[in-house]
PDB file of N, CA and C in Angstrom:
ATOM      1  N   MET A   1     116.909 121.454 100.934  1.00  0.00           N
ATOM      2  CA  MET A   1     115.639 121.156 100.304  1.00  0.00           C
ATOM      3  C   MET A   1     114.803 122.435 100.271  1.00  0.00           C
ATOM      4  N   PRO A   2     114.083 122.678  99.180  1.00  0.00           N
ATOM      5  CA  PRO A   2     113.267 123.894  99.086  1.00  0.00           C
ATOM      6  C   PRO A   2     112.158 123.930 100.135  1.00  0.00           C
ATOM      7  N   GLN A   3     111.901 125.126 100.623  1.00  0.00           N
ATOM      8  CA  GLN A   3     110.847 125.336 101.613  1.00  0.00           C
ATOM      9  C   GLN A   3     109.731 126.154 100.978  1.00  0.00           C
ATOM     10  N   PHE A   4     108.513 125.963 101.514  1.00  0.00           N
ATOM     11  CA  PHE A   4     107.339 126.621 100.962  1.00  0.00           C
ATOM     12  C   PHE A   4     106.419 127.083 102.086  1.00  0.00           C
ATOM     13  N   LEU A   5     105.766 128.221 101.862  1.00  0.00           N
ATOM     14  CA  LEU A   5     104.731 128.731 102.757  1.00  0.00           C
ATOM     15  C   LEU A   5     103.393 128.384 102.117  1.00  0.00           C
ATOM     16  N   ILE A   6     102.581 127.636 102.851  1.00  0.00           N
ATOM     17  CA  ILE A   6     101.261 127.234 102.366  1.00  0.00           C
ATOM     18  C   ILE A   6     100.221 128.012 103.166  1.00  0.00           C
ATOM     19  N   THR A   7      99.355 128.714 102.464  1.00  0.00           N
ATOM     20  CA  THR A   7      98.229 129.398 103.084  1.00  0.00           C
ATOM     21  C   THR A   7      96.970 128.811 102.475  1.00  0.00           C
ATOM     22  N   ALA A   8      96.128 128.232 103.313  1.00  0.00           N
ATOM     23  CA  ALA A   8      94.920 127.571 102.822  1.00  0.00           C
ATOM     24  C   ALA A   8      93.706 128.154 103.538  1.00  0.00           C
ATOM     25  N   LEU A   9      92.775 128.681 102.766  1.00  0.00           N
ATOM     26  CA  LEU A   9      91.558 129.256 103.339  1.00  0.00           C
ATOM     27  C   LEU A   9      90.420 128.256 103.234  1.00  0.00           C
ATOM     28  N   ASP A  10      89.646 128.142 104.300  1.00  0.00           N
ATOM     29  CA  ASP A  10      88.523 127.219 104.340  1.00  0.00           C
ATOM     30  C   ASP A  10      87.349 127.739 103.510  1.00  0.00           C
ATOM     31  N   TYR A  11      86.490 126.806 103.118  1.00  0.00           N
ATOM     32  CA  TYR A  11      85.199 127.181 102.560  1.00  0.00           C
ATOM     33  C   TYR A  11      84.448 127.979 103.632  1.00  0.00           C
ATOM     34  N   THR A  12      83.463 128.741 103.220  1.00  0.00           N
ATOM     35  CA  THR A  12      82.735 129.594 104.168  1.00  0.00           C
ATOM     36  C   THR A  12      81.257 129.234 104.276  1.00  0.00           C
ATOM     37  N   ASP A  13      80.852 128.102 103.705  1.00  0.00           N
ATOM     38  CA  ASP A  13      79.450 127.699 103.794  1.00  0.00           C
ATOM     39  C   ASP A  13      79.114 127.257 105.217  1.00  0.00           C
ATOM     40  N   ALA A  14      77.841 127.041 105.477  1.00  0.00           N
ATOM     41  CA  ALA A  14      77.358 126.732 106.830  1.00  0.00           C
ATOM     42  C   ALA A  14      77.935 125.429 107.388  1.00  0.00           C
ATOM     43  N   GLN A  15      78.325 124.487 106.535  1.00  0.00           N
ATOM     44  CA  GLN A  15      78.856 123.203 106.993  1.00  0.00           C
ATOM     45  C   GLN A  15      80.392 123.169 107.030  1.00  0.00           C
ATOM     46  N   ALA A  16      81.044 124.268 106.728  1.00  0.00           N
ATOM     47  CA  ALA A  16      82.503 124.285 106.603  1.00  0.00           C
ATOM     48  C   ALA A  16      83.204 123.854 107.889  1.00  0.00           C
ATOM     49  N   LEU A  17      82.812 124.416 109.017  1.00  0.00           N
ATOM     50  CA  LEU A  17      83.466 124.066 110.277  1.00  0.00           C
ATOM     51  C   LEU A  17      83.191 122.607 110.651  1.00  0.00           C
ATOM     52  N   GLU A  18      82.001 122.144 110.364  1.00  0.00           N
ATOM     53  CA  GLU A  18      81.662 120.742 110.642  1.00  0.00           C
ATOM     54  C   GLU A  18      82.559 119.798 109.826  1.00  0.00           C
ATOM     55  N   ARG A  19      82.779 120.108 108.542  1.00  0.00           N
ATOM     56  CA  ARG A  19      83.672 119.284 107.707  1.00  0.00           C
ATOM     57  C   ARG A  19      85.101 119.338 108.248  1.00  0.00           C
ATOM     58  N   ARG A  20      85.538 120.531 108.669  1.00  0.00           N
ATOM     59  CA  ARG A  20      86.890 120.671 109.215  1.00  0.00           C
ATOM     60  C   ARG A  20      87.060 119.773 110.431  1.00  0.00           C
ATOM     61  N   MET A  21      86.108 119.822 111.334  1.00  0.00           N
ATOM     62  CA  MET A  21      86.235 119.044 112.564  1.00  0.00           C
ATOM     63  C   MET A  21      86.185 117.540 112.281  1.00  0.00           C
ATOM     64  N   ALA A  22      85.399 117.126 111.293  1.00  0.00           N
ATOM     65  CA  ALA A  22      85.330 115.706 110.932  1.00  0.00           C
ATOM     66  C   ALA A  22      86.634 115.226 110.306  1.00  0.00           C
ATOM     67  N   ALA A  23      87.270 116.067 109.512  1.00  0.00           N
ATOM     68  CA  ALA A  23      88.511 115.694 108.820  1.00  0.00           C
ATOM     69  C   ALA A  23      89.752 115.924 109.678  1.00  0.00           C
ATOM     70  N   ARG A  24      89.624 116.683 110.740  1.00  0.00           N
ATOM     71  CA  ARG A  24      90.778 117.108 111.537  1.00  0.00           C
ATOM     72  C   ARG A  24      91.639 115.960 112.062  1.00  0.00           C
ATOM     73  N   PRO A  25      91.076 114.880 112.621  1.00  0.00           N
ATOM     74  CA  PRO A  25      91.949 113.796 113.102  1.00  0.00           C
ATOM     75  C   PRO A  25      92.817 113.192 111.991  1.00  0.00           C
ATOM     76  N   PHE A  26      92.258 113.085 110.794  1.00  0.00           N
ATOM     77  CA  PHE A  26      92.997 112.526 109.664  1.00  0.00           C
ATOM     78  C   PHE A  26      94.060 113.503 109.167  1.00  0.00           C
ATOM     79  N   HIS A  27      93.721 114.786 109.179  1.00  0.00           N
ATOM     80  CA  HIS A  27      94.685 115.839 108.813  1.00  0.00           C
ATOM     81  C   HIS A  27      95.858 115.835 109.796  1.00  0.00           C
ATOM     82  N   LEU A  28      95.561 115.755 111.093  1.00  0.00           N
ATOM     83  CA  LEU A  28      96.632 115.769 112.097  1.00  0.00           C
ATOM     84  C   LEU A  28      97.488 114.507 112.034  1.00  0.00           C
ATOM     85  N   GLU A  29      96.885 113.376 111.695  1.00  0.00           N
ATOM     86  CA  GLU A  29      97.640 112.137 111.533  1.00  0.00           C
ATOM     87  C   GLU A  29      98.649 112.277 110.393  1.00  0.00           C
ATOM     88  N   LEU A  30      98.209 112.847 109.274  1.00  0.00           N
ATOM     89  CA  LEU A  30      99.116 113.080 108.153  1.00  0.00           C
ATOM     90  C   LEU A  30     100.186 114.098 108.539  1.00  0.00           C
ATOM     91  N   ALA A  31      99.812 115.137 109.271  1.00  0.00           N
ATOM     92  CA  ALA A  31     100.783 116.152 109.704  1.00  0.00           C
ATOM     93  C   ALA A  31     101.870 115.525 110.577  1.00  0.00           C
ATOM     94  N   LYS A  32     101.495 114.595 111.457  1.00  0.00           N
ATOM     95  CA  LYS A  32     102.484 113.916 112.298  1.00  0.00           C
ATOM     96  C   LYS A  32     103.466 113.114 111.449  1.00  0.00           C
ATOM     97  N   LYS A  33     102.962 112.450 110.407  1.00  0.00           N
ATOM     98  CA  LYS A  33     103.837 111.695 109.497  1.00  0.00           C
ATOM     99  C   LYS A  33     104.778 112.642 108.755  1.00  0.00           C
ATOM    100  N   MET A  34     104.246 113.784 108.333  1.00  0.00           N
ATOM    101  CA  MET A  34     105.067 114.770 107.629  1.00  0.00           C
ATOM    102  C   MET A  34     106.138 115.347 108.551  1.00  0.00           C
ATOM    103  N   LYS A  35     105.790 115.572 109.813  1.00  0.00           N
ATOM    104  CA  LYS A  35     106.755 116.086 110.792  1.00  0.00           C
ATOM    105  C   LYS A  35     107.867 115.054 111.001  1.00  0.00           C
ATOM    106  N   ALA A  36     107.487 113.783 111.138  1.00  0.00           N
ATOM    107  CA  ALA A  36     108.466 112.716 111.352  1.00  0.00           C
ATOM    108  C   ALA A  36     109.402 112.558 110.160  1.00  0.00           C
ATOM    109  N   SER A  37     108.904 112.800 108.951  1.00  0.00           N
ATOM    110  CA  SER A  37     109.727 112.671 107.749  1.00  0.00           C
ATOM    111  C   SER A  37     110.547 113.922 107.463  1.00  0.00           C
ATOM    112  N   GLY A  38     110.273 115.012 108.212  1.00  0.00           N
ATOM    113  CA  GLY A  38     111.000 116.260 107.999  1.00  0.00           C
ATOM    114  C   GLY A  38     110.354 117.196 106.998  1.00  0.00           C
ATOM    115  N   ASN A  39     109.198 116.815 106.438  1.00  0.00           N
ATOM    116  CA  ASN A  39     108.542 117.677 105.456  1.00  0.00           C
ATOM    117  C   ASN A  39     107.782 118.837 106.084  1.00  0.00           C
ATOM    118  N   LEU A  40     107.278 118.663 107.297  1.00  0.00           N
ATOM    119  CA  LEU A  40     106.525 119.724 107.975  1.00  0.00           C
ATOM    120  C   LEU A  40     107.434 120.422 108.973  1.00  0.00           C
ATOM    121  N   ILE A  41     107.632 121.717 108.765  1.00  0.00           N
ATOM    122  CA  ILE A  41     108.430 122.513 109.691  1.00  0.00           C
ATOM    123  C   ILE A  41     107.526 123.058 110.790  1.00  0.00           C
ATOM    124  N   LEU A  42     106.389 123.660 110.400  1.00  0.00           N
ATOM    125  CA  LEU A  42     105.404 124.122 111.369  1.00  0.00           C
ATOM    126  C   LEU A  42     104.076 124.307 110.681  1.00  0.00           C
ATOM    127  N   GLY A  43     103.028 124.280 111.467  1.00  0.00           N
ATOM    128  CA  GLY A  43     101.702 124.475 110.909  1.00  0.00           C
ATOM    129  C   GLY A  43     100.727 124.844 112.002  1.00  0.00           C
ATOM    130  N   GLY A  44      99.621 125.442 111.605  1.00  0.00           N
ATOM    131  CA  GLY A  44      98.595 125.794 112.566  1.00  0.00           C
ATOM    132  C   GLY A  44      97.375 126.364 111.883  1.00  0.00           C
ATOM    133  N   ALA A  45      96.338 126.564 112.673  1.00  0.00           N
ATOM    134  CA  ALA A  45      95.073 127.094 112.172  1.00  0.00           C
ATOM    135  C   ALA A  45      95.084 128.616 112.189  1.00  0.00           C
ATOM    136  N   MET A  46      94.534 129.203 111.135  1.00  0.00           N
ATOM    137  CA  MET A  46      94.265 130.640 111.135  1.00  0.00           C
ATOM    138  C   MET A  46      92.915 130.833 111.807  1.00  0.00           C
ATOM    139  N   LEU A  47      92.801 131.887 112.585  1.00  0.00           N
ATOM    140  CA  LEU A  47      91.582 132.129 113.351  1.00  0.00           C
ATOM    141  C   LEU A  47      90.912 133.434 112.947  1.00  0.00           C
ATOM    142  N   SER A  48      89.601 133.454 113.049  1.00  0.00           N
ATOM    143  CA  SER A  48      88.833 134.682 112.848  1.00  0.00           C
ATOM    144  C   SER A  48      88.976 135.538 114.110  1.00  0.00           C
ATOM    145  N   PRO A  49      88.502 136.788 114.079  1.00  0.00           N
ATOM    146  CA  PRO A  49      88.520 137.607 115.300  1.00  0.00           C
ATOM    147  C   PRO A  49      87.754 136.948 116.453  1.00  0.00           C
ATOM    148  N   GLU A  50      86.800 136.069 116.111  1.00  0.00           N
ATOM    149  CA  GLU A  50      86.035 135.343 117.134  1.00  0.00           C
ATOM    150  C   GLU A  50      86.727 134.042 117.545  1.00  0.00           C
ATOM    151  N   GLU A  51      87.938 133.847 117.037  1.00  0.00           N
ATOM    152  CA  GLU A  51      88.781 132.681 117.323  1.00  0.00           C
ATOM    153  C   GLU A  51      88.205 131.370 116.802  1.00  0.00           C
ATOM    154  N   LYS A  52      87.516 131.427 115.651  1.00  0.00           N
ATOM    155  CA  LYS A  52      87.049 130.231 114.963  1.00  0.00           C
ATOM    156  C   LYS A  52      88.049 129.915 113.853  1.00  0.00           C
ATOM    157  N   MET A  53      88.304 128.625 113.638  1.00  0.00           N
ATOM    158  CA  MET A  53      89.256 128.217 112.605  1.00  0.00           C
ATOM    159  C   MET A  53      88.695 128.548 111.222  1.00  0.00           C
ATOM    160  N   ILE A  54      89.505 129.250 110.428  1.00  0.00           N
ATOM    161  CA  ILE A  54      89.070 129.678 109.093  1.00  0.00           C
ATOM    162  C   ILE A  54      90.067 129.294 108.002  1.00  0.00           C
ATOM    163  N   GLY A  55      91.132 128.637 108.376  1.00  0.00           N
ATOM    164  CA  GLY A  55      92.142 128.252 107.395  1.00  0.00           C
ATOM    165  C   GLY A  55      93.365 127.707 108.093  1.00  0.00           C
ATOM    166  N   SER A  56      94.397 127.477 107.313  1.00  0.00           N
ATOM    167  CA  SER A  56      95.636 126.910 107.845  1.00  0.00           C
ATOM    168  C   SER A  56      96.831 127.593 107.216  1.00  0.00           C
ATOM    169  N   THR A  57      97.919 127.627 107.968  1.00  0.00           N
ATOM    170  CA  THR A  57      99.205 128.095 107.462  1.00  0.00           C
ATOM    171  C   THR A  57     100.244 127.039 107.824  1.00  0.00           C
ATOM    172  N   LEU A  58     101.054 126.674 106.848  1.00  0.00           N
ATOM    173  CA  LEU A  58     102.092 125.677 107.068  1.00  0.00           C
ATOM    174  C   LEU A  58     103.392 126.139 106.425  1.00  0.00           C
ATOM    175  N   VAL A  59     104.489 125.765 107.021  1.00  0.00           N
ATOM    176  CA  VAL A  59     105.795 125.898 106.396  1.00  0.00           C
ATOM    177  C   VAL A  59     106.270 124.463 106.194  1.00  0.00           C
ATOM    178  N   VAL A  60     106.518 124.123 104.934  1.00  0.00           N
ATOM    179  CA  VAL A  60     106.888 122.759 104.585  1.00  0.00           C
ATOM    180  C   VAL A  60     108.186 122.750 103.793  1.00  0.00           C
ATOM    181  N   GLU A  61     108.751 121.559 103.696  1.00  0.00           N
ATOM    182  CA  GLU A  61     110.007 121.377 102.974  1.00  0.00           C
ATOM    183  C   GLU A  61     109.838 120.133 102.104  1.00  0.00           C
ATOM    184  N   PHE A  62     109.909 120.312 100.787  1.00  0.00           N
ATOM    185  CA  PHE A  62     109.763 119.222  99.833  1.00  0.00           C
ATOM    186  C   PHE A  62     110.810 119.362  98.745  1.00  0.00           C
ATOM    187  N   GLU A  63     111.080 118.265  98.063  1.00  0.00           N
ATOM    188  CA  GLU A  63     112.050 118.277  96.958  1.00  0.00           C
ATOM    189  C   GLU A  63     111.610 119.209  95.834  1.00  0.00           C
ATOM    190  N   GLY A  64     110.310 119.376  95.661  1.00  0.00           N
ATOM    191  CA  GLY A  64     109.828 120.251  94.603  1.00  0.00           C
ATOM    192  C   GLY A  64     108.331 120.138  94.429  1.00  0.00           C
ATOM    193  N   GLU A  65     107.846 120.702  93.338  1.00  0.00           N
ATOM    194  CA  GLU A  65     106.415 120.805  93.066  1.00  0.00           C
ATOM    195  C   GLU A  65     105.745 119.430  92.995  1.00  0.00           C
ATOM    196  N   GLU A  66     106.399 118.452  92.395  1.00  0.00           N
ATOM    197  CA  GLU A  66     105.802 117.122  92.275  1.00  0.00           C
ATOM    198  C   GLU A  66     105.534 116.510  93.652  1.00  0.00           C
ATOM    199  N   ALA A  67     106.468 116.663  94.569  1.00  0.00           N
ATOM    200  CA  ALA A  67     106.302 116.129  95.923  1.00  0.00           C
ATOM    201  C   ALA A  67     105.193 116.873  96.664  1.00  0.00           C
ATOM    202  N   ILE A  68     105.087 118.166  96.458  1.00  0.00           N
ATOM    203  CA  ILE A  68     103.993 118.933  97.066  1.00  0.00           C
ATOM    204  C   ILE A  68     102.652 118.434  96.539  1.00  0.00           C
ATOM    205  N   GLN A  69     102.564 118.213  95.235  1.00  0.00           N
ATOM    206  CA  GLN A  69     101.315 117.746  94.644  1.00  0.00           C
ATOM    207  C   GLN A  69     100.936 116.353  95.153  1.00  0.00           C
ATOM    208  N   GLN A  70     101.930 115.493  95.406  1.00  0.00           N
ATOM    209  CA  GLN A  70     101.650 114.172  95.979  1.00  0.00           C
ATOM    210  C   GLN A  70     101.032 114.319  97.362  1.00  0.00           C
ATOM    211  N   TRP A  71     101.595 115.211  98.178  1.00  0.00           N
ATOM    212  CA  TRP A  71     101.035 115.463  99.508  1.00  0.00           C
ATOM    213  C   TRP A  71      99.612 115.995  99.397  1.00  0.00           C
ATOM    214  N   LEU A  72      99.401 117.002  98.545  1.00  0.00           N
ATOM    215  CA  LEU A  72      98.080 117.605  98.412  1.00  0.00           C
ATOM    216  C   LEU A  72      97.044 116.595  97.920  1.00  0.00           C
ATOM    217  N   ALA A  73      97.465 115.630  97.125  1.00  0.00           N
ATOM    218  CA  ALA A  73      96.545 114.611  96.604  1.00  0.00           C
ATOM    219  C   ALA A  73      96.010 113.708  97.707  1.00  0.00           C
ATOM    220  N   GLU A  74      96.697 113.658  98.848  1.00  0.00           N
ATOM    221  CA  GLU A  74      96.221 112.833  99.958  1.00  0.00           C
ATOM    222  C   GLU A  74      95.833 113.648 101.198  1.00  0.00           C
ATOM    223  N   GLU A  75      95.893 114.962 101.089  1.00  0.00           N
ATOM    224  CA  GLU A  75      95.578 115.835 102.231  1.00  0.00           C
ATOM    225  C   GLU A  75      94.077 115.788 102.539  1.00  0.00           C
ATOM    226  N   PRO A  76      93.696 115.305 103.739  1.00  0.00           N
ATOM    227  CA  PRO A  76      92.276 115.200 104.090  1.00  0.00           C
ATOM    228  C   PRO A  76      91.505 116.515 103.986  1.00  0.00           C
ATOM    229  N   TYR A  77      92.137 117.637 104.275  1.00  0.00           N
ATOM    230  CA  TYR A  77      91.414 118.906 104.203  1.00  0.00           C
ATOM    231  C   TYR A  77      91.037 119.267 102.764  1.00  0.00           C
ATOM    232  N   LEU A  78      91.766 118.766 101.795  1.00  0.00           N
ATOM    233  CA  LEU A  78      91.363 118.968 100.400  1.00  0.00           C
ATOM    234  C   LEU A  78      90.348 117.911  99.985  1.00  0.00           C
ATOM    235  N   LEU A  79      90.609 116.676 100.361  1.00  0.00           N
ATOM    236  CA  LEU A  79      89.713 115.584  99.975  1.00  0.00           C
ATOM    237  C   LEU A  79      88.319 115.751 100.568  1.00  0.00           C
ATOM    238  N   GLN A  80      88.225 116.351 101.755  1.00  0.00           N
ATOM    239  CA  GLN A  80      86.941 116.521 102.443  1.00  0.00           C
ATOM    240  C   GLN A  80      86.369 117.933 102.290  1.00  0.00           C
ATOM    241  N   LYS A  81      86.915 118.688 101.342  1.00  0.00           N
ATOM    242  CA  LYS A  81      86.429 120.041 101.024  1.00  0.00           C
ATOM    243  C   LYS A  81      86.412 120.979 102.228  1.00  0.00           C
ATOM    244  N   VAL A  82      87.531 120.977 102.962  1.00  0.00           N
ATOM    245  CA  VAL A  82      87.735 121.941 104.044  1.00  0.00           C
ATOM    246  C   VAL A  82      88.430 123.171 103.470  1.00  0.00           C
ATOM    247  N   TRP A  83      89.555 122.941 102.781  1.00  0.00           N
ATOM    248  CA  TRP A  83      90.293 124.045 102.166  1.00  0.00           C
ATOM    249  C   TRP A  83      89.700 124.375 100.803  1.00  0.00           C
ATOM    250  N   GLU A  84      89.331 125.618 100.602  1.00  0.00           N
ATOM    251  CA  GLU A  84      88.799 126.065  99.315  1.00  0.00           C
ATOM    252  C   GLU A  84      89.904 126.627  98.428  1.00  0.00           C
ATOM    253  N   LYS A  85      90.808 127.411  99.021  1.00  0.00           N
ATOM    254  CA  LYS A  85      91.880 128.067  98.260  1.00  0.00           C
ATOM    255  C   LYS A  85      93.210 127.751  98.924  1.00  0.00           C
ATOM    256  N   VAL A  86      94.156 127.263  98.131  1.00  0.00           N
ATOM    257  CA  VAL A  86      95.479 126.937  98.645  1.00  0.00           C
ATOM    258  C   VAL A  86      96.502 127.739  97.849  1.00  0.00           C
ATOM    259  N   ASP A  87      97.317 128.499  98.562  1.00  0.00           N
ATOM    260  CA  ASP A  87      98.364 129.315  97.945  1.00  0.00           C
ATOM    261  C   ASP A  87      99.719 128.763  98.385  1.00  0.00           C
ATOM    262  N   ILE A  88     100.602 128.540  97.428  1.00  0.00           N
ATOM    263  CA  ILE A  88     101.931 127.982  97.699  1.00  0.00           C
ATOM    264  C   ILE A  88     102.977 128.969  97.203  1.00  0.00           C
ATOM    265  N   LYS A  89     103.850 129.378  98.110  1.00  0.00           N
ATOM    266  CA  LYS A  89     104.920 130.327  97.759  1.00  0.00           C
ATOM    267  C   LYS A  89     106.257 129.771  98.226  1.00  0.00           C
ATOM    268  N   PRO A  90     107.307 129.972  97.440  1.00  0.00           N
ATOM    269  CA  PRO A  90     108.651 129.616  97.927  1.00  0.00           C
ATOM    270  C   PRO A  90     108.930 130.419  99.208  1.00  0.00           C
ATOM    271  N   PHE A  91     109.666 129.811 100.121  1.00  0.00           N
ATOM    272  CA  PHE A  91     109.873 130.414 101.439  1.00  0.00           C
ATOM    273  C   PHE A  91     111.231 129.964 101.954  1.00  0.00           C
ATOM    274  N   LYS A  92     111.803 130.740 102.835  1.00  0.00           N
ATOM    275  CA  LYS A  92     113.064 130.370 103.454  1.00  0.00           C
ATOM    276  C   LYS A  92     112.986 130.729 104.924  1.00  0.00           C
ATOM    277  N   VAL A  93     113.082 129.704 105.784  1.00  0.00           N
ATOM    278  CA  VAL A  93     113.092 129.930 107.214  1.00  0.00           C
ATOM    279  C   VAL A  93     114.423 130.604 107.582  1.00  0.00           C
ATOM    280  N   ALA A  94     114.350 131.687 108.333  1.00  0.00           N
ATOM    281  CA  ALA A  94     115.552 132.402 108.733  1.00  0.00           C
ATOM    282  C   ALA A  94     116.364 131.573 109.731  1.00  0.00           C
ATOM    283  N   ALA A  95     117.648 131.516 109.517  1.00  0.00           N
ATOM    284  CA  ALA A  95     118.539 130.817 110.450  1.00  0.00           C
ATOM    285  C   ALA A  95     118.990 131.830 111.492  1.00  0.00           C
ATOM    286  N   LEU A  96     118.404 131.776 112.651  1.00  0.00           N
ATOM    287  CA  LEU A  96     118.722 132.741 113.713  1.00  0.00           C
ATOM    288  C   LEU A  96     119.545 132.072 114.815  1.00  0.00           C
TER     289      LEU A  96
END
């Protein structure tokens, strides 16, 4: 199955971190479902030098673009305006 590197940068307005924290339980619930289904390989928060969450990086595995768009359509961080910019690139996890 194709793999993808997702880089998502948060909004930078004064309420951005507050929205992230409010949406976080729902985002993590969806991430757990994705992990159980095999779609999420790994994910985590990007941090500023002050160690504040400023975005997310994920490695995911989906059948293709349509399946990615279905996930993004229900992703709480997009629905709650946490992620401002989402970049999707084809990726291949190294077999070591």
